[in-house]
Amino acid sequence: MVNKLGMKQGLYQNRIEQIWQEKMGTTISAHTKEIKLYKNKLYLTIDSSSLKQELTYGRTKIAEMLNAELGDNYITDVIVR
């Protein structure tokens, strides 16, 4: 039913925000200004350039971790900006 109504992205958006705070900790969450899910891609807006570079290197690991928590291979790419 969720797939038919197109609500999957909205549900995953809320769930990812919760998972991000739990798994990444307070420091990274504090520097994360926006988490946006659009067409199976996760867009992260980070306000620290050094953290942005570090997260860029770990994009595949972030996608794998979030997909494991969601129980679905929904996220295909992570874009850090």
Protein backbone atom coordinates (compact mmCIF):
# COMPACT_ATOMS: atom_id res chain seq x y z
CA MET A 1 0.00 0.00 0.00
CA VAL A 2 2.83 2.39 0.86
CA ASN A 3 4.47 1.78 -2.52
CA LYS A 4 1.22 2.30 -4.44
CA LEU A 5 0.49 5.61 -2.74
CA GLY A 6 4.05 6.89 -3.19
CA MET A 7 4.60 7.40 0.51
CA LYS A 8 7.80 5.35 0.75
CA GLN A 9 10.11 8.33 0.20
CA GLY A 10 8.39 10.39 2.91
CA LEU A 11 8.52 7.54 5.39
CA TYR A 12 12.17 6.87 4.64
CA GLN A 13 12.99 10.59 4.90
CA ASN A 14 11.76 10.70 8.50
CA ARG A 15 13.38 7.40 9.38
CA ILE A 16 16.75 8.44 7.91
CA GLU A 17 16.79 11.64 9.97
CA GLN A 18 16.30 9.58 13.13
CA ILE A 19 18.92 7.00 12.13
CA TRP A 20 21.41 9.76 11.25
CA GLN A 21 21.21 11.25 14.74
CA GLU A 22 21.48 7.85 16.42
CA LYS A 23 24.34 6.42 14.36
CA MET A 24 26.45 9.49 13.56
CA GLY A 25 26.42 11.08 17.01
CA THR A 26 25.90 14.60 18.27
CA THR A 27 28.96 16.22 16.68
CA ILE A 28 28.19 15.18 13.12
CA SER A 29 24.46 15.79 13.64
CA ALA A 30 25.22 19.32 14.85
CA HIS A 31 27.13 20.08 11.62
CA THR A 32 24.43 18.53 9.42
CA LYS A 33 22.14 21.30 8.24
CA GLU A 34 19.89 19.34 5.89
CA ILE A 35 19.12 15.73 5.06
CA LYS A 36 17.09 15.37 1.89
CA LEU A 37 16.01 12.19 0.12
CA TYR A 38 15.13 12.63 -3.55
CA LYS A 39 14.81 9.92 -6.20
CA ASN A 40 16.79 7.31 -4.25
CA LYS A 41 19.66 9.73 -3.59
CA LEU A 42 20.50 11.14 -0.19
CA TYR A 43 21.63 14.77 -0.13
CA LEU A 44 23.52 15.92 2.97
CA THR A 45 24.27 19.59 3.62
CA ILE A 46 27.24 19.93 5.98
CA ASP A 47 28.58 23.24 7.33
CA SER A 48 32.14 22.04 8.11
CA SER A 49 34.51 21.65 5.17
CA SER A 50 36.72 19.07 6.87
CA LEU A 51 33.72 16.97 7.89
CA LYS A 52 32.27 17.35 4.40
CA GLN A 53 35.46 15.91 2.90
CA GLU A 54 35.54 13.04 5.38
CA LEU A 55 31.90 12.13 4.70
CA THR A 56 32.50 12.32 0.95
CA TYR A 57 35.11 9.57 1.27
CA GLY A 58 32.67 7.39 3.22
CA ARG A 59 29.64 7.81 0.92
CA THR A 60 29.28 4.12 0.08
CA LYS A 61 29.63 3.11 3.72
CA ILE A 62 26.96 5.65 4.71
CA ALA A 63 24.57 4.32 2.05
CA GLU A 64 25.19 0.73 3.15
CA MET A 65 24.63 1.59 6.82
CA LEU A 66 21.39 3.47 6.15
CA ASN A 67 20.09 0.79 3.78
CA ALA A 68 20.80 -1.87 6.41
CA GLU A 69 18.85 0.10 9.01
CA LEU A 70 15.96 0.64 6.58
CA GLY A 71 15.97 -3.02 5.59
CA ASP A 72 15.85 -2.05 1.92
CA ASN A 73 18.36 -1.09 -0.78
CA TYR A 74 16.59 2.23 -1.35
CA ILE A 75 19.53 4.67 -1.27
CA THR A 76 21.68 4.37 -4.39
CA ASP A 77 23.99 7.37 -3.84
CA VAL A 78 24.98 9.88 -1.17
CA ILE A 79 25.80 13.43 -2.21
CA VAL A 80 27.56 15.60 0.34
CA ARG A 81 27.40 19.34 -0.20
